[in-house]
Amino acid sequence: MPPPFRELSVAQFADEVAAYTWTRPVFRVDMHHTFHPSHAEWRGRDSVEGMWRFHTLSRGFEDIAQHVSIAPDGAIWTGRDWNKTPASVGCNMNAQAFMFEAIGNFDVGHDLLDGAQRFAVVAVIDIVQRHFRLPVQALLFHREVPQTPKTCPGTGIDKGDILRAVAARRALA
């Protein structure tokens, strides 16, 4: 999972979740946006490695914060070891979460979560939740934590819309 980071399709991600040797329970999926890089700033592997350097060298984390990053083109990039607690929302709430970053600034007036990226975001949530037999509602937006002033995953993203999309995908399974 840690460097070198790998690019996965939704199908490859689903296969890896199913085959992975999980040693910890997951009770929730945490959704974030990067803010930086935005869609225009995204440079693939270079951006993921840049986030890793920022998280480890500047923030002092043991690894990149997120388990996966979801690119504007819908590619899913591996990150932190899935059996390690993410550096997600703090407040002693990170344990037993699977955390992902959607690449972009999704505050109103900036990037849009649509197309292949939105498809992959919904799929990642659903795949992880179904693997751990979690309800659709087992999703936390970073901004829902009272101790954070952040808008993450962006003011342009409606949680109800994401939950409905995950439920619709699950109904097709």
Protein backbone atom coordinates (compact mmCIF):
# COMPACT_ATOMS: atom_id res chain seq x y z
CA MET A 1 0.00 0.00 0.00
CA PRO A 2 2.64 2.64 0.86
CA PRO A 3 5.06 3.82 -1.85
CA PRO A 4 5.30 2.86 -4.57
CA PHE A 5 1.69 3.90 -5.06
CA ARG A 6 -0.41 1.94 -7.53
CA GLU A 7 -3.23 3.02 -9.82
CA LEU A 8 -6.34 0.81 -9.78
CA SER A 9 -9.61 0.69 -11.68
CA VAL A 10 -12.87 0.27 -9.76
CA ALA A 11 -12.89 -3.44 -10.67
CA GLN A 12 -9.29 -3.89 -9.49
CA PHE A 13 -10.09 -2.05 -6.26
CA ALA A 14 -13.08 -4.35 -5.64
CA ASP A 15 -10.89 -7.41 -6.24
CA GLU A 16 -8.20 -6.11 -3.87
CA VAL A 17 -10.71 -5.33 -1.10
CA ALA A 18 -12.12 -8.85 -1.41
CA ALA A 19 -8.70 -10.54 -1.43
CA TYR A 20 -7.00 -8.34 1.17
CA THR A 21 -6.06 -9.87 4.52
CA TRP A 22 -7.88 -7.47 6.83
CA THR A 23 -6.66 -7.51 10.44
CA ARG A 24 -8.90 -4.70 11.72
CA PRO A 25 -12.60 -4.02 11.53
CA VAL A 26 -13.94 -1.07 9.57
CA PHE A 27 -17.10 0.58 10.88
CA ARG A 28 -17.21 3.72 8.71
CA VAL A 29 -15.97 5.30 5.48
CA ASP A 30 -14.59 8.85 5.80
CA MET A 31 -14.81 11.16 2.78
CA HIS A 32 -12.41 14.04 2.20
CA HIS A 33 -11.32 16.27 -0.64
CA THR A 34 -7.76 17.39 -1.19
CA PHE A 35 -8.52 21.07 -1.88
CA HIS A 36 -4.92 21.07 -3.21
CA PRO A 37 -4.27 19.51 -5.60
CA SER A 38 -7.34 20.69 -7.46
CA HIS A 39 -8.37 19.08 -10.72
CA ALA A 40 -6.15 21.51 -12.67
CA GLU A 41 -3.19 20.80 -10.37
CA TRP A 42 -3.49 16.99 -10.56
CA ARG A 43 -0.37 15.27 -11.95
CA GLY A 44 -1.06 11.57 -11.25
CA ARG A 45 1.65 9.69 -9.38
CA ASP A 46 3.63 12.92 -8.83
CA SER A 47 0.66 14.40 -6.95
CA VAL A 48 0.17 11.29 -4.80
CA GLU A 49 3.88 11.27 -3.95
CA GLY A 50 3.65 15.01 -3.19
CA MET A 51 0.80 14.36 -0.74
CA TRP A 52 2.86 11.58 0.86
CA ARG A 53 5.84 13.95 1.28
CA PHE A 54 3.61 16.67 2.73
CA HIS A 55 1.91 14.29 5.15
CA THR A 56 5.13 12.60 6.33
CA LEU A 57 7.67 15.43 6.21
CA SER A 58 5.55 18.50 6.98
CA ARG A 59 2.69 17.06 9.05
CA GLY A 60 4.71 14.34 10.79
CA PHE A 61 2.34 11.49 9.89
CA GLU A 62 3.79 7.99 9.67
CA ASP A 63 2.48 7.66 6.10
CA ILE A 64 0.12 9.35 3.65
CA ALA A 65 -3.10 10.11 5.54
CA GLN A 66 -5.59 8.32 3.28
CA HIS A 67 -6.09 4.71 2.31
CA VAL A 68 -6.88 5.67 -1.29
CA SER A 69 -7.04 8.80 -3.42
CA ILE A 70 -9.60 9.08 -6.23
CA ALA A 71 -8.37 11.03 -9.24
CA PRO A 72 -10.40 13.29 -11.54
CA ASP A 73 -10.33 10.54 -14.20
CA GLY A 74 -11.74 7.98 -11.74
CA ALA A 75 -8.46 6.17 -11.11
CA ILE A 76 -8.05 4.92 -7.54
CA TRP A 77 -4.54 5.36 -6.15
CA THR A 78 -3.38 3.23 -3.23
CA GLY A 79 -2.12 4.99 -0.12
CA ARG A 80 -1.80 4.07 3.53
CA ASP A 81 -1.82 0.37 4.47
CA TRP A 82 -5.49 -0.56 4.80
CA ASN A 83 -4.84 -2.24 8.15
CA LYS A 84 -3.50 1.02 9.61
CA THR A 85 -5.68 3.69 11.15
CA PRO A 86 -5.94 6.69 8.80
CA ALA A 87 -5.05 10.27 9.71
CA SER A 88 -8.64 11.29 9.06
CA VAL A 89 -10.77 13.48 11.33
CA GLY A 90 -8.88 13.44 14.64
CA CYS A 91 -10.72 13.75 17.95
CA ASN A 92 -9.99 10.07 18.71
CA MET A 93 -12.39 9.17 15.86
CA ASN A 94 -9.96 7.67 13.32
CA ALA A 95 -9.87 4.08 14.52
CA GLN A 96 -11.90 1.64 12.44
CA ALA A 97 -12.41 4.11 9.58
CA PHE A 98 -11.51 3.60 5.93
CA MET A 99 -10.57 7.02 4.60
CA PHE A 100 -10.34 8.34 1.06
CA GLU A 101 -9.52 11.65 -0.57
CA ALA A 102 -11.32 12.78 -3.70
CA ILE A 103 -8.78 14.83 -5.64
CA GLY A 104 -10.10 18.36 -6.10
CA ASN A 105 -11.50 21.46 -4.49
CA PHE A 106 -15.23 20.77 -4.32
CA ASP A 107 -16.26 24.01 -2.65
CA VAL A 108 -18.96 25.80 -4.67
CA GLY A 109 -17.48 27.59 -7.68
CA HIS A 110 -14.50 25.28 -8.07
CA ASP A 111 -14.16 21.64 -9.24
CA LEU A 112 -17.19 19.42 -9.79
CA LEU A 113 -17.47 15.86 -8.52
CA ASP A 114 -18.89 14.26 -11.62
CA GLY A 115 -18.31 11.69 -14.35
CA ALA A 116 -15.74 8.96 -13.77
CA GLN A 117 -14.57 10.47 -10.49
CA ARG A 118 -18.05 10.53 -8.98
CA PHE A 119 -18.62 6.97 -10.21
CA ALA A 120 -15.40 5.85 -8.48
CA VAL A 121 -16.21 7.73 -5.25
CA VAL A 122 -19.61 6.04 -5.01
CA ALA A 123 -18.08 2.68 -5.89
CA VAL A 124 -15.31 2.93 -3.27
CA ILE A 125 -17.84 3.78 -0.55
CA ASP A 126 -20.13 0.94 -1.60
CA ILE A 127 -17.38 -1.66 -2.02
CA VAL A 128 -15.87 -1.00 1.41
CA GLN A 129 -19.24 -0.78 3.13
CA ARG A 130 -20.52 -3.99 1.56
CA HIS A 131 -17.31 -5.85 2.39
CA PHE A 132 -17.79 -4.98 6.06
CA ARG A 133 -21.60 -5.34 5.92
CA LEU A 134 -22.14 -1.69 6.79
CA PRO A 135 -25.25 0.36 6.11
CA VAL A 136 -25.12 3.10 3.49
CA GLN A 137 -25.27 5.65 6.31
CA ALA A 138 -21.84 4.53 7.62
CA LEU A 139 -20.28 7.50 5.82
CA LEU A 140 -18.71 10.51 7.51
CA PHE A 141 -17.96 13.80 5.80
CA HIS A 142 -14.96 15.50 7.43
CA ARG A 143 -17.01 18.69 7.98
CA GLU A 144 -19.43 16.75 10.22
CA VAL A 145 -16.87 16.62 13.02
CA PRO A 146 -17.76 19.56 15.30
CA GLN A 147 -14.12 20.35 16.07
CA THR A 148 -13.24 21.12 12.44
CA PRO A 149 -13.79 24.43 10.67
CA LYS A 150 -13.24 22.74 7.28
CA THR A 151 -15.84 22.43 4.51
CA CYS A 152 -14.37 19.06 3.50
CA PRO A 153 -15.29 17.28 1.24
CA GLY A 154 -16.52 20.58 -0.18
CA THR A 155 -19.59 22.79 -0.02
CA GLY A 156 -20.53 21.66 -3.54
CA ILE A 157 -21.09 18.07 -2.39
CA ASP A 158 -24.39 17.12 -0.81
CA LYS A 159 -24.18 14.14 1.53
CA GLY A 160 -27.77 13.10 0.79
CA ASP A 161 -26.92 12.92 -2.90
CA ILE A 162 -23.91 10.68 -2.21
CA LEU A 163 -25.93 8.41 0.11
CA ARG A 164 -28.68 8.06 -2.52
CA ALA A 165 -26.07 7.20 -5.18
CA VAL A 166 -24.49 4.54 -2.94
CA ALA A 167 -27.93 3.08 -2.17
CA ALA A 168 -28.79 3.01 -5.88
CA ARG A 169 -25.52 1.23 -6.72
CA ARG A 170 -26.11 -1.27 -3.94
CA ALA A 171 -29.63 -1.97 -5.24
CA LEU A 172 -28.08 -3.05 -8.56
CA ALA A 173 -25.66 -5.52 -6.91
